[in-house]
Amino acid sequence: MNSEAEDLCGFRENASQGMNLLDVSREQGFSGTVIELCDNSANNMGTNQSAEYELSGIPHVVNVAALMGKDGFAKAFYLTFVRAD
């Protein structure tokens, strides 16, 4: 995570590695949104999924793409936050 994403999400990467997003996020709605987007992307062979969410009082579009392995299972997720102007 870059520092801007850390500020938007409200937690630091180095303090949260290996932890569940539900345990580190200050907003359960944000966690639920990201987890749902990850599940939807993984179940659609990595296709980008997006939703609008307000982070730190500013509307953003959250984009998630699953990085799929040869076995057809998601191995990682790529998230981007784009300010919705």
Protein backbone atom coordinates (compact mmCIF):
# COMPACT_ATOMS: atom_id res chain seq x y z
CA MET A 1 0.00 0.00 0.00
CA ASN A 2 1.20 3.47 -0.70
CA SER A 3 0.92 6.13 2.01
CA GLU A 4 -2.14 7.79 0.45
CA ALA A 5 -4.02 4.46 0.44
CA GLU A 6 -2.97 3.88 4.06
CA ASP A 7 -4.37 7.29 5.01
CA LEU A 8 -7.63 6.63 3.14
CA CYS A 9 -8.11 3.18 4.65
CA GLY A 10 -7.04 4.18 8.15
CA PHE A 11 -4.39 1.53 8.78
CA ARG A 12 -0.72 0.95 8.03
CA GLU A 13 0.50 -1.92 5.90
CA ASN A 14 3.42 -2.77 8.18
CA ALA A 15 1.11 -3.03 11.20
CA SER A 16 -1.55 -5.11 9.45
CA GLN A 17 0.29 -7.67 7.30
CA GLY A 18 -1.16 -11.14 7.72
CA MET A 19 -4.25 -9.83 9.49
CA ASN A 20 -7.86 -10.04 8.37
CA LEU A 21 -9.22 -6.85 6.80
CA LEU A 22 -12.21 -7.03 9.14
CA ASP A 23 -9.82 -6.79 12.10
CA VAL A 24 -7.78 -3.80 10.90
CA SER A 25 -10.28 -1.56 9.12
CA ARG A 26 -11.95 1.14 11.19
CA GLU A 27 -15.03 0.94 8.94
CA GLN A 28 -16.80 -2.42 8.72
CA GLY A 29 -18.74 -1.18 5.67
CA PHE A 30 -15.46 -0.60 3.83
CA SER A 31 -14.21 -4.07 4.75
CA GLY A 32 -17.45 -5.65 3.58
CA THR A 33 -17.34 -3.74 0.29
CA VAL A 34 -13.75 -4.74 -0.45
CA ILE A 35 -14.33 -8.38 0.50
CA GLU A 36 -17.44 -8.54 -1.70
CA LEU A 37 -15.54 -7.01 -4.64
CA CYS A 38 -12.69 -9.50 -4.14
CA ASP A 39 -15.10 -12.44 -4.05
CA ASN A 40 -16.92 -11.22 -7.16
CA SER A 41 -13.67 -10.73 -9.06
CA ALA A 42 -12.33 -14.15 -8.04
CA ASN A 43 -15.60 -15.80 -9.08
CA ASN A 44 -15.43 -14.07 -12.49
CA MET A 45 -11.87 -15.16 -13.42
CA GLY A 46 -10.30 -11.91 -12.25
CA THR A 47 -12.64 -9.50 -14.02
CA ASN A 48 -12.48 -5.98 -12.57
CA GLN A 49 -15.22 -5.17 -10.08
CA SER A 50 -15.94 -1.68 -8.81
CA ALA A 51 -18.11 0.17 -6.34
CA GLU A 52 -18.31 3.71 -5.04
CA TYR A 53 -17.36 4.22 -1.39
CA GLU A 54 -16.68 7.30 0.70
CA LEU A 55 -13.18 7.21 2.17
CA SER A 56 -12.19 9.93 4.66
CA GLY A 57 -15.27 11.89 3.63
CA ILE A 58 -14.37 11.86 -0.08
CA PRO A 59 -16.21 9.67 -2.61
CA HIS A 60 -13.94 7.17 -4.38
CA VAL A 61 -14.44 4.37 -6.86
CA VAL A 62 -12.87 1.21 -5.46
CA ASN A 63 -11.63 -1.14 -8.21
CA VAL A 64 -10.61 -4.73 -7.54
CA ALA A 65 -9.08 -7.24 -9.94
CA ALA A 66 -8.15 -10.75 -8.83
CA LEU A 67 -4.80 -12.13 -9.96
CA MET A 68 -5.65 -15.68 -10.92
CA GLY A 69 -3.38 -18.70 -10.73
CA LYS A 70 -3.13 -21.49 -13.28
CA ASP A 71 -5.38 -23.55 -11.03
CA GLY A 72 -8.22 -21.01 -11.47
CA PHE A 73 -8.05 -19.69 -7.91
CA ALA A 74 -7.30 -16.10 -6.92
CA LYS A 75 -3.76 -15.69 -5.57
CA ALA A 76 -3.82 -11.94 -4.89
CA PHE A 77 -5.95 -8.86 -5.46
CA TYR A 78 -5.08 -5.53 -7.05
CA LEU A 79 -7.01 -2.62 -5.54
CA THR A 80 -7.14 0.96 -6.72
CA PHE A 81 -8.96 3.96 -5.30
CA VAL A 82 -9.97 6.66 -7.77
CA ARG A 83 -11.38 9.91 -6.47
CA ALA A 84 -14.90 10.33 -7.85
CA ASP A 85 -15.13 14.00 -8.78
